[in-house]
Amino acid sequence: MSLMTISQVKKRIGLLAAQQEDTFLELGAQLIKLSAVASGAMFKEIVSRAGLGSRKAYYLINIAEKLRPHMRYRARLQRLGWTKCQMLAAQLPRANFLKLLEYAEAHTAKELETFVRRETPSGRARCVLLYFTESQYRQYEKAALRLGARRRGRGLVDKEAATIRMSRTALRT
């Protein structure tokens, strides 16, 4: 490890994770250093103590690894935030980084997602954020799956069209 001991990296990760401002690029770089020298169990323990989930830690590592060649744009990437940077990183190395960066700076995360998927933008789309209890979510998920949504990872895709089908069904009765 480059001049830093595992103890120093552990301390730095704890400080970065506790900060209010978004330090995801630096945190990802420190997590890369830690993962190179720590056992799996030690890595998980340090990440947990820092208040990070393993999933988020691995996302941050992936982002930092993919964006490492583009760190001369660090300030611009930091302003984008980790959601947009995650979308950019997923397109690398095959995509034109500067074109993606410029698009990301000028558009919302949803517009960037549509752009990288090469889909047609939906125009004046609106976002609805819903909070469900566990049982309410299971009910929603079951209905959405019956009406055309599909499972992907821990979430659903095509849930928007399924939700519209639900509302049309409800309005007919």
N, C-alpha and C. Protein backbone atom coordinates (compact mmCIF):
# COMPACT_ATOMS: atom_id res chain seq x y z
N MET A 1 0.85 -1.17 0.00
CA MET A 1 0.00 0.00 0.00
C MET A 1 0.89 1.22 0.00
N SER A 2 0.57 2.22 -0.79
CA SER A 2 1.44 3.37 -1.00
C SER A 2 1.55 4.25 0.24
N LEU A 3 2.56 3.99 1.03
CA LEU A 3 2.94 4.79 2.19
C LEU A 3 1.89 4.89 3.29
N MET A 4 0.72 4.33 3.12
CA MET A 4 -0.30 4.37 4.16
C MET A 4 -0.47 2.98 4.75
N THR A 5 -0.55 2.92 6.04
CA THR A 5 -0.79 1.64 6.68
C THR A 5 -2.27 1.33 6.62
N ILE A 6 -2.61 0.09 6.89
CA ILE A 6 -4.01 -0.32 6.90
C ILE A 6 -4.77 0.48 7.97
N SER A 7 -4.12 0.77 9.06
CA SER A 7 -4.74 1.56 10.13
C SER A 7 -5.05 2.98 9.65
N GLN A 8 -4.14 3.57 8.88
CA GLN A 8 -4.36 4.91 8.36
C GLN A 8 -5.50 4.92 7.34
N VAL A 9 -5.54 3.91 6.48
CA VAL A 9 -6.62 3.81 5.49
C VAL A 9 -7.95 3.63 6.21
N LYS A 10 -7.99 2.79 7.22
CA LYS A 10 -9.20 2.54 8.00
C LYS A 10 -9.70 3.85 8.62
N LYS A 11 -8.78 4.61 9.19
CA LYS A 11 -9.14 5.89 9.81
C LYS A 11 -9.66 6.87 8.76
N ARG A 12 -9.00 6.92 7.61
CA ARG A 12 -9.41 7.83 6.53
C ARG A 12 -10.80 7.46 6.01
N ILE A 13 -11.07 6.18 5.87
CA ILE A 13 -12.39 5.72 5.41
C ILE A 13 -13.46 6.16 6.41
N GLY A 14 -13.18 5.99 7.70
CA GLY A 14 -14.13 6.41 8.72
C GLY A 14 -14.42 7.89 8.66
N LEU A 15 -13.38 8.71 8.46
CA LEU A 15 -13.56 10.17 8.36
C LEU A 15 -14.36 10.55 7.12
N LEU A 16 -14.02 9.96 5.99
CA LEU A 16 -14.72 10.28 4.74
C LEU A 16 -16.18 9.87 4.79
N ALA A 17 -16.44 8.70 5.34
CA ALA A 17 -17.82 8.20 5.41
C ALA A 17 -18.68 9.07 6.33
N ALA A 18 -18.07 9.68 7.33
CA ALA A 18 -18.81 10.49 8.30
C ALA A 18 -19.06 11.91 7.81
N GLN A 19 -18.34 12.36 6.79
CA GLN A 19 -18.48 13.74 6.32
C GLN A 19 -19.84 13.97 5.67
N GLN A 20 -20.33 15.17 5.84
CA GLN A 20 -21.61 15.54 5.25
C GLN A 20 -21.49 15.77 3.74
N GLU A 21 -20.39 16.40 3.31
CA GLU A 21 -20.25 16.64 1.88
C GLU A 21 -19.91 15.33 1.17
N ASP A 22 -20.20 15.33 -0.10
CA ASP A 22 -20.03 14.11 -0.88
C ASP A 22 -18.57 13.91 -1.25
N THR A 23 -17.95 12.88 -0.70
CA THR A 23 -16.54 12.58 -0.94
C THR A 23 -16.40 11.20 -1.57
N PHE A 24 -17.35 10.82 -2.40
CA PHE A 24 -17.41 9.46 -2.90
C PHE A 24 -16.19 9.04 -3.72
N LEU A 25 -15.58 9.97 -4.46
CA LEU A 25 -14.41 9.59 -5.26
C LEU A 25 -13.22 9.25 -4.36
N GLU A 26 -12.97 10.08 -3.37
CA GLU A 26 -11.88 9.82 -2.42
C GLU A 26 -12.17 8.56 -1.61
N LEU A 27 -13.43 8.43 -1.17
CA LEU A 27 -13.81 7.25 -0.40
C LEU A 27 -13.62 5.98 -1.23
N GLY A 28 -14.03 6.02 -2.49
CA GLY A 28 -13.83 4.88 -3.38
C GLY A 28 -12.36 4.53 -3.54
N ALA A 29 -11.51 5.55 -3.68
CA ALA A 29 -10.06 5.31 -3.82
C ALA A 29 -9.49 4.66 -2.56
N GLN A 30 -9.95 5.10 -1.39
CA GLN A 30 -9.47 4.50 -0.14
C GLN A 30 -9.98 3.07 0.02
N LEU A 31 -11.21 2.82 -0.43
CA LEU A 31 -11.75 1.47 -0.36
C LEU A 31 -10.99 0.52 -1.29
N ILE A 32 -10.52 1.03 -2.42
CA ILE A 32 -9.69 0.21 -3.32
C ILE A 32 -8.41 -0.20 -2.60
N LYS A 33 -7.78 0.76 -1.93
CA LYS A 33 -6.54 0.47 -1.19
C LYS A 33 -6.80 -0.58 -0.12
N LEU A 34 -7.91 -0.41 0.60
CA LEU A 34 -8.24 -1.35 1.67
C LEU A 34 -8.50 -2.75 1.10
N SER A 35 -9.26 -2.84 0.03
CA SER A 35 -9.60 -4.15 -0.53
C SER A 35 -8.37 -4.89 -1.05
N ALA A 36 -7.33 -4.14 -1.39
CA ALA A 36 -6.11 -4.77 -1.90
C ALA A 36 -5.31 -5.46 -0.80
N VAL A 37 -5.48 -5.03 0.45
CA VAL A 37 -4.64 -5.58 1.53
C VAL A 37 -5.42 -6.27 2.64
N ALA A 38 -6.70 -6.04 2.73
CA ALA A 38 -7.50 -6.60 3.83
C ALA A 38 -8.18 -7.89 3.38
N SER A 39 -8.36 -8.78 4.31
CA SER A 39 -9.13 -9.99 4.02
C SER A 39 -10.59 -9.58 3.82
N GLY A 40 -11.37 -10.48 3.26
CA GLY A 40 -12.79 -10.18 3.04
C GLY A 40 -13.52 -9.84 4.32
N ALA A 41 -13.25 -10.59 5.38
CA ALA A 41 -13.91 -10.35 6.66
C ALA A 41 -13.48 -9.01 7.25
N MET A 42 -12.18 -8.71 7.15
CA MET A 42 -11.69 -7.44 7.69
C MET A 42 -12.27 -6.27 6.91
N PHE A 43 -12.33 -6.42 5.58
CA PHE A 43 -12.91 -5.38 4.73
C PHE A 43 -14.34 -5.09 5.15
N LYS A 44 -15.14 -6.14 5.29
CA LYS A 44 -16.55 -5.97 5.67
C LYS A 44 -16.69 -5.32 7.04
N GLU A 45 -15.82 -5.71 7.97
CA GLU A 45 -15.88 -5.13 9.32
C GLU A 45 -15.55 -3.64 9.29
N ILE A 46 -14.51 -3.26 8.58
CA ILE A 46 -14.12 -1.84 8.51
C ILE A 46 -15.20 -1.03 7.81
N VAL A 47 -15.74 -1.56 6.73
CA VAL A 47 -16.81 -0.88 5.99
C VAL A 47 -18.03 -0.70 6.89
N SER A 48 -18.39 -1.74 7.62
CA SER A 48 -19.53 -1.69 8.53
C SER A 48 -19.32 -0.65 9.63
N ARG A 49 -18.13 -0.64 10.22
CA ARG A 49 -17.83 0.33 11.27
C ARG A 49 -17.86 1.77 10.77
N ALA A 50 -17.57 1.95 9.50
CA ALA A 50 -17.61 3.29 8.90
C ALA A 50 -19.04 3.72 8.59
N GLY A 51 -19.98 2.81 8.78
CA GLY A 51 -21.38 3.15 8.52
C GLY A 51 -21.79 2.96 7.07
N LEU A 52 -21.01 2.20 6.33
CA LEU A 52 -21.33 1.92 4.93
C LEU A 52 -21.84 0.49 4.81
N GLY A 53 -22.72 0.26 3.87
CA GLY A 53 -23.10 -1.11 3.56
C GLY A 53 -22.10 -1.70 2.58
N SER A 54 -21.99 -3.01 2.55
CA SER A 54 -21.08 -3.67 1.61
C SER A 54 -21.43 -3.32 0.17
N ARG A 55 -22.71 -3.30 -0.13
CA ARG A 55 -23.17 -3.00 -1.48
C ARG A 55 -22.68 -1.62 -1.94
N LYS A 56 -22.88 -0.62 -1.06
CA LYS A 56 -22.43 0.73 -1.41
C LYS A 56 -20.92 0.78 -1.55
N ALA A 57 -20.20 0.09 -0.68
CA ALA A 57 -18.73 0.07 -0.74
C ALA A 57 -18.27 -0.48 -2.09
N TYR A 58 -18.88 -1.56 -2.55
CA TYR A 58 -18.47 -2.14 -3.82
C TYR A 58 -18.88 -1.25 -5.01
N TYR A 59 -20.01 -0.55 -4.90
CA TYR A 59 -20.37 0.43 -5.93
C TYR A 59 -19.31 1.53 -6.00
N LEU A 60 -18.90 2.03 -4.83
CA LEU A 60 -17.90 3.09 -4.79
C LEU A 60 -16.57 2.63 -5.37
N ILE A 61 -16.19 1.39 -5.07
CA ILE A 61 -14.95 0.84 -5.63
C ILE A 61 -15.05 0.77 -7.15
N ASN A 62 -16.17 0.29 -7.65
CA ASN A 62 -16.37 0.18 -9.09
C ASN A 62 -16.28 1.54 -9.77
N ILE A 63 -16.94 2.54 -9.19
CA ILE A 63 -16.91 3.89 -9.75
C ILE A 63 -15.48 4.41 -9.75
N ALA A 64 -14.79 4.29 -8.62
CA ALA A 64 -13.42 4.81 -8.51
C ALA A 64 -12.48 4.11 -9.50
N GLU A 65 -12.63 2.80 -9.66
CA GLU A 65 -11.76 2.07 -10.61
C GLU A 65 -12.00 2.52 -12.05
N LYS A 66 -13.26 2.62 -12.43
CA LYS A 66 -13.58 2.98 -13.81
C LYS A 66 -13.23 4.43 -14.12
N LEU A 67 -13.36 5.31 -13.12
CA LEU A 67 -13.10 6.73 -13.36
C LEU A 67 -11.65 7.13 -13.09
N ARG A 68 -10.84 6.21 -12.57
CA ARG A 68 -9.43 6.51 -12.25
C ARG A 68 -8.69 7.19 -13.41
N PRO A 69 -8.84 6.75 -14.67
CA PRO A 69 -8.11 7.41 -15.76
C PRO A 69 -8.59 8.84 -16.05
N HIS A 70 -9.70 9.23 -15.45
CA HIS A 70 -10.30 10.53 -15.76
C HIS A 70 -10.26 11.49 -14.57
N MET A 71 -9.34 11.27 -13.65
CA MET A 71 -9.29 12.08 -12.43
C MET A 71 -8.86 13.52 -12.66
N ARG A 72 -8.40 13.85 -13.86
CA ARG A 72 -8.12 15.26 -14.13
C ARG A 72 -9.44 16.05 -14.16
N TYR A 73 -10.56 15.35 -14.25
CA TYR A 73 -11.88 15.97 -14.23
C TYR A 73 -12.56 15.78 -12.86
N ARG A 74 -11.77 15.53 -11.83
CA ARG A 74 -12.28 15.20 -10.50
C ARG A 74 -13.33 16.20 -10.01
N ALA A 75 -13.08 17.48 -10.11
CA ALA A 75 -14.02 18.49 -9.60
C ALA A 75 -15.36 18.40 -10.33
N ARG A 76 -15.31 18.20 -11.63
CA ARG A 76 -16.55 18.08 -12.41
C ARG A 76 -17.31 16.82 -12.02
N LEU A 77 -16.58 15.72 -11.86
CA LEU A 77 -17.21 14.46 -11.46
C LEU A 77 -17.82 14.57 -10.07
N GLN A 78 -17.10 15.20 -9.16
CA GLN A 78 -17.58 15.35 -7.80
C GLN A 78 -18.90 16.15 -7.78
N ARG A 79 -18.98 17.19 -8.63
CA ARG A 79 -20.21 18.00 -8.70
C ARG A 79 -21.39 17.18 -9.23
N LEU A 80 -21.11 16.20 -10.10
CA LEU A 80 -22.19 15.37 -10.65
C LEU A 80 -22.87 14.54 -9.58
N GLY A 81 -22.08 14.03 -8.64
CA GLY A 81 -22.63 13.14 -7.63
C GLY A 81 -22.44 11.69 -8.03
N TRP A 82 -22.61 10.82 -7.05
CA TRP A 82 -22.25 9.42 -7.30
C TRP A 82 -23.28 8.69 -8.14
N THR A 83 -24.53 9.12 -8.18
CA THR A 83 -25.53 8.45 -9.02
C THR A 83 -25.18 8.61 -10.49
N LYS A 84 -24.92 9.85 -10.90
CA LYS A 84 -24.55 10.08 -12.31
C LYS A 84 -23.19 9.46 -12.63
N CYS A 85 -22.25 9.55 -11.70
CA CYS A 85 -20.93 8.96 -11.94
C CYS A 85 -21.03 7.45 -12.08
N GLN A 86 -21.94 6.84 -11.36
CA GLN A 86 -22.13 5.40 -11.49
C GLN A 86 -22.62 5.07 -12.91
N MET A 87 -23.51 5.89 -13.45
CA MET A 87 -24.00 5.66 -14.81
C MET A 87 -22.89 5.86 -15.83
N LEU A 88 -22.06 6.90 -15.63
CA LEU A 88 -20.92 7.13 -16.53
C LEU A 88 -19.96 5.96 -16.47
N ALA A 89 -19.61 5.53 -15.26
CA ALA A 89 -18.64 4.45 -15.08
C ALA A 89 -19.11 3.17 -15.77
N ALA A 90 -20.41 2.92 -15.74
CA ALA A 90 -20.94 1.69 -16.36
C ALA A 90 -20.74 1.69 -17.87
N GLN A 91 -20.55 2.85 -18.47
CA GLN A 91 -20.39 2.95 -19.92
C GLN A 91 -18.93 2.86 -20.35
N LEU A 92 -18.03 2.94 -19.39
CA LEU A 92 -16.60 2.96 -19.71
C LEU A 92 -16.03 1.55 -19.76
N PRO A 93 -15.03 1.30 -20.57
CA PRO A 93 -14.25 2.23 -21.37
C PRO A 93 -14.77 2.43 -22.80
N ARG A 94 -15.86 1.77 -23.17
CA ARG A 94 -16.27 1.78 -24.58
C ARG A 94 -16.90 3.09 -25.03
N ALA A 95 -17.37 3.93 -24.11
CA ALA A 95 -18.05 5.17 -24.49
C ALA A 95 -17.09 6.35 -24.53
N ASN A 96 -17.52 7.41 -25.18
CA ASN A 96 -16.76 8.66 -25.23
C ASN A 96 -16.97 9.38 -23.90
N PHE A 97 -15.95 9.36 -23.06
CA PHE A 97 -16.07 9.90 -21.71
C PHE A 97 -16.46 11.38 -21.70
N LEU A 98 -15.78 12.20 -22.49
CA LEU A 98 -16.07 13.64 -22.47
C LEU A 98 -17.49 13.95 -22.93
N LYS A 99 -17.97 13.23 -23.92
CA LYS A 99 -19.34 13.42 -24.40
C LYS A 99 -20.33 13.08 -23.28
N LEU A 100 -20.09 11.96 -22.59
CA LEU A 100 -20.96 11.57 -21.48
C LEU A 100 -20.90 12.58 -20.34
N LEU A 101 -19.70 13.04 -20.00
CA LEU A 101 -19.53 14.01 -18.92
C LEU A 101 -20.29 15.29 -19.22
N GLU A 102 -20.15 15.80 -20.41
CA GLU A 102 -20.85 17.03 -20.79
C GLU A 102 -22.37 16.83 -20.76
N TYR A 103 -22.83 15.69 -21.24
CA TYR A 103 -24.27 15.41 -21.20
C TYR A 103 -24.76 15.34 -19.76
N ALA A 104 -24.01 14.66 -18.92
CA ALA A 104 -24.39 14.50 -17.51
C ALA A 104 -24.46 15.84 -16.79
N GLU A 105 -23.56 16.74 -17.13
CA GLU A 105 -23.55 18.07 -16.50
C GLU A 105 -24.76 18.91 -16.88
N ALA A 106 -25.29 18.67 -18.06
CA ALA A 106 -26.39 19.49 -18.56
C ALA A 106 -27.77 18.87 -18.39
N HIS A 107 -27.84 17.63 -17.88
CA HIS A 107 -29.12 16.93 -17.81
C HIS A 107 -29.32 16.28 -16.45
N THR A 108 -30.56 15.89 -16.20
CA THR A 108 -30.91 15.21 -14.96
C THR A 108 -30.41 13.77 -15.00
N ALA A 109 -30.41 13.12 -13.85
CA ALA A 109 -30.00 11.72 -13.78
C ALA A 109 -30.92 10.85 -14.63
N LYS A 110 -32.20 11.13 -14.61
CA LYS A 110 -33.15 10.34 -15.40
C LYS A 110 -32.89 10.53 -16.90
N GLU A 111 -32.60 11.77 -17.31
CA GLU A 111 -32.29 12.01 -18.72
C GLU A 111 -30.99 11.31 -19.12
N LEU A 112 -30.01 11.31 -18.22
CA LEU A 112 -28.75 10.60 -18.48
C LEU A 112 -28.99 9.10 -18.61
N GLU A 113 -29.83 8.56 -17.74
CA GLU A 113 -30.15 7.14 -17.80
C GLU A 113 -30.78 6.80 -19.16
N THR A 114 -31.70 7.63 -19.61
CA THR A 114 -32.35 7.43 -20.91
C THR A 114 -31.33 7.52 -22.04
N PHE A 115 -30.43 8.48 -21.94
CA PHE A 115 -29.39 8.69 -22.96
C PHE A 115 -28.46 7.49 -23.06
N VAL A 116 -27.97 6.98 -21.94
CA VAL A 116 -27.03 5.86 -22.00
C VAL A 116 -27.72 4.56 -22.44
N ARG A 117 -29.00 4.47 -22.22
CA ARG A 117 -29.75 3.29 -22.69
C ARG A 117 -30.19 3.43 -24.14
N ARG A 118 -29.89 4.59 -24.72
CA ARG A 118 -30.26 4.91 -26.10
C ARG A 118 -31.77 4.80 -26.32
N GLU A 119 -32.52 5.27 -25.32
CA GLU A 119 -33.97 5.28 -25.42
C GLU A 119 -34.43 6.67 -25.82
N THR A 120 -35.65 6.77 -26.28
CA THR A 120 -36.23 8.07 -26.61
C THR A 120 -36.74 8.72 -25.33
N PRO A 121 -36.35 9.96 -25.07
CA PRO A 121 -36.83 10.63 -23.86
C PRO A 121 -38.36 10.74 -23.87
N SER A 122 -38.93 10.65 -22.70
CA SER A 122 -40.39 10.66 -22.62
C SER A 122 -40.97 12.07 -22.54
N GLY A 123 -40.19 13.07 -22.80
CA GLY A 123 -40.72 14.43 -22.79
C GLY A 123 -40.86 14.97 -21.39
N ARG A 124 -42.07 15.31 -21.03
CA ARG A 124 -42.33 15.94 -19.74
C ARG A 124 -42.71 14.90 -18.70
N ALA A 125 -41.82 13.98 -18.43
CA ALA A 125 -42.08 12.92 -17.46
C ALA A 125 -42.14 13.50 -16.06
N ARG A 126 -42.91 12.88 -15.20
CA ARG A 126 -43.03 13.28 -13.80
C ARG A 126 -42.59 12.12 -12.93
N CYS A 127 -42.04 12.44 -11.79
CA CYS A 127 -41.55 11.42 -10.86
C CYS A 127 -42.50 11.32 -9.68
N VAL A 128 -42.80 10.10 -9.27
CA VAL A 128 -43.63 9.86 -8.09
C VAL A 128 -42.83 8.96 -7.15
N LEU A 129 -42.62 9.42 -5.95
CA LEU A 129 -41.89 8.64 -4.96
C LEU A 129 -42.90 8.09 -3.97
N LEU A 130 -42.90 6.78 -3.80
CA LEU A 130 -43.87 6.12 -2.92
C LEU A 130 -43.14 5.39 -1.81
N TYR A 131 -43.66 5.47 -0.60
CA TYR A 131 -43.12 4.72 0.52
C TYR A 131 -44.15 3.69 0.95
N PHE A 132 -43.74 2.42 1.00
CA PHE A 132 -44.63 1.33 1.36
C PHE A 132 -44.12 0.62 2.60
N THR A 133 -45.04 0.03 3.34
CA THR A 133 -44.63 -0.92 4.37
C THR A 133 -44.22 -2.19 3.63
N GLU A 134 -43.63 -3.15 4.33
CA GLU A 134 -43.24 -4.41 3.69
C GLU A 134 -44.43 -5.09 3.03
N SER A 135 -45.54 -5.18 3.74
CA SER A 135 -46.70 -5.88 3.18
C SER A 135 -47.30 -5.10 2.01
N GLN A 136 -47.32 -3.78 2.09
CA GLN A 136 -47.83 -2.98 0.98
C GLN A 136 -46.95 -3.16 -0.25
N TYR A 137 -45.62 -3.20 -0.05
CA TYR A 137 -44.72 -3.38 -1.18
C TYR A 137 -44.91 -4.75 -1.81
N ARG A 138 -45.06 -5.78 -1.00
CA ARG A 138 -45.29 -7.13 -1.56
C ARG A 138 -46.56 -7.14 -2.41
N GLN A 139 -47.59 -6.44 -1.94
CA GLN A 139 -48.85 -6.36 -2.70
C GLN A 139 -48.63 -5.61 -4.01
N TYR A 140 -47.94 -4.47 -3.93
CA TYR A 140 -47.64 -3.68 -5.14
C TYR A 140 -46.81 -4.49 -6.13
N GLU A 141 -45.77 -5.15 -5.62
CA GLU A 141 -44.88 -5.95 -6.46
C GLU A 141 -45.65 -7.07 -7.17
N LYS A 142 -46.51 -7.75 -6.44
CA LYS A 142 -47.31 -8.84 -7.01
C LYS A 142 -48.19 -8.32 -8.14
N ALA A 143 -48.85 -7.19 -7.90
CA ALA A 143 -49.72 -6.60 -8.93
C ALA A 143 -48.90 -6.13 -10.13
N ALA A 144 -47.77 -5.47 -9.87
CA ALA A 144 -46.93 -4.97 -10.96
C ALA A 144 -46.40 -6.12 -11.82
N LEU A 145 -45.99 -7.21 -11.19
CA LEU A 145 -45.49 -8.36 -11.94
C LEU A 145 -46.60 -8.96 -12.81
N ARG A 146 -47.82 -9.02 -12.28
CA ARG A 146 -48.94 -9.55 -13.08
C ARG A 146 -49.26 -8.65 -14.27
N LEU A 147 -48.93 -7.36 -14.14
CA LEU A 147 -49.29 -6.41 -15.19
C LEU A 147 -48.11 -5.99 -16.06
N GLY A 148 -47.05 -6.80 -16.07
CA GLY A 148 -45.99 -6.58 -17.04
C GLY A 148 -44.63 -6.16 -16.50
N ALA A 149 -44.51 -5.83 -15.23
CA ALA A 149 -43.19 -5.51 -14.68
C ALA A 149 -42.37 -6.80 -14.60
N ARG A 150 -41.05 -6.66 -14.56
CA ARG A 150 -40.16 -7.81 -14.45
C ARG A 150 -39.14 -7.56 -13.35
N ARG A 151 -38.71 -8.63 -12.72
CA ARG A 151 -37.68 -8.52 -11.68
C ARG A 151 -36.32 -8.27 -12.33
N ARG A 152 -35.54 -7.39 -11.71
CA ARG A 152 -34.13 -7.20 -12.08
C ARG A 152 -33.39 -6.88 -10.80
N GLY A 153 -32.50 -7.77 -10.43
CA GLY A 153 -31.79 -7.59 -9.16
C GLY A 153 -32.80 -7.59 -8.03
N ARG A 154 -32.71 -6.58 -7.17
CA ARG A 154 -33.66 -6.47 -6.06
C ARG A 154 -34.85 -5.58 -6.40
N GLY A 155 -34.92 -5.10 -7.64
CA GLY A 155 -35.98 -4.18 -8.02
C GLY A 155 -36.83 -4.69 -9.16
N LEU A 156 -37.59 -3.77 -9.72
CA LEU A 156 -38.48 -4.06 -10.84
C LEU A 156 -38.17 -3.14 -12.01
N VAL A 157 -38.26 -3.67 -13.22
CA VAL A 157 -38.20 -2.84 -14.42
C VAL A 157 -39.56 -2.86 -15.08
N ASP A 158 -39.84 -1.87 -15.86
CA ASP A 158 -41.13 -1.70 -16.54
C ASP A 158 -42.27 -1.54 -15.53
N LYS A 159 -41.94 -1.06 -14.33
CA LYS A 159 -42.96 -0.87 -13.30
C LYS A 159 -43.85 0.32 -13.61
N GLU A 160 -43.33 1.30 -14.37
CA GLU A 160 -44.14 2.46 -14.70
C GLU A 160 -45.36 2.05 -15.54
N ALA A 161 -45.11 1.27 -16.59
CA ALA A 161 -46.21 0.82 -17.46
C ALA A 161 -47.18 -0.05 -16.67
N ALA A 162 -46.66 -0.90 -15.79
CA ALA A 162 -47.53 -1.76 -14.97
C ALA A 162 -48.37 -0.91 -14.02
N THR A 163 -47.80 0.13 -13.46
CA THR A 163 -48.54 1.00 -12.55
C THR A 163 -49.65 1.74 -13.28
N ILE A 164 -49.38 2.18 -14.51
CA ILE A 164 -50.41 2.83 -15.32
C ILE A 164 -51.55 1.85 -15.60
N ARG A 165 -51.20 0.59 -15.88
CA ARG A 165 -52.24 -0.43 -16.09
C ARG A 165 -53.08 -0.60 -14.85
N MET A 166 -52.44 -0.57 -13.67
CA MET A 166 -53.17 -0.67 -12.40
C MET A 166 -54.15 0.50 -12.27
N SER A 167 -53.68 1.70 -12.57
CA SER A 167 -54.56 2.87 -12.41
C SER A 167 -55.71 2.84 -13.41
N ARG A 168 -55.45 2.39 -14.63
CA ARG A 168 -56.54 2.28 -15.62
C ARG A 168 -57.58 1.27 -15.17
N THR A 169 -57.13 0.15 -14.61
CA THR A 169 -58.04 -0.87 -14.09
C THR A 169 -58.88 -0.28 -12.96
N ALA A 170 -58.27 0.45 -12.06
CA ALA A 170 -58.97 1.04 -10.93
C ALA A 170 -59.98 2.08 -11.40
N LEU A 171 -59.67 2.84 -12.44
CA LEU A 171 -60.57 3.88 -12.93
C LEU A 171 -61.75 3.30 -13.70
N ARG A 172 -61.61 2.09 -14.23
CA ARG A 172 -62.73 1.45 -14.95
C ARG A 172 -63.79 0.94 -14.00
N THR A 173 -63.44 0.67 -12.75
CA THR A 173 -64.42 0.08 -11.83
C THR A 173 -65.22 1.11 -11.12
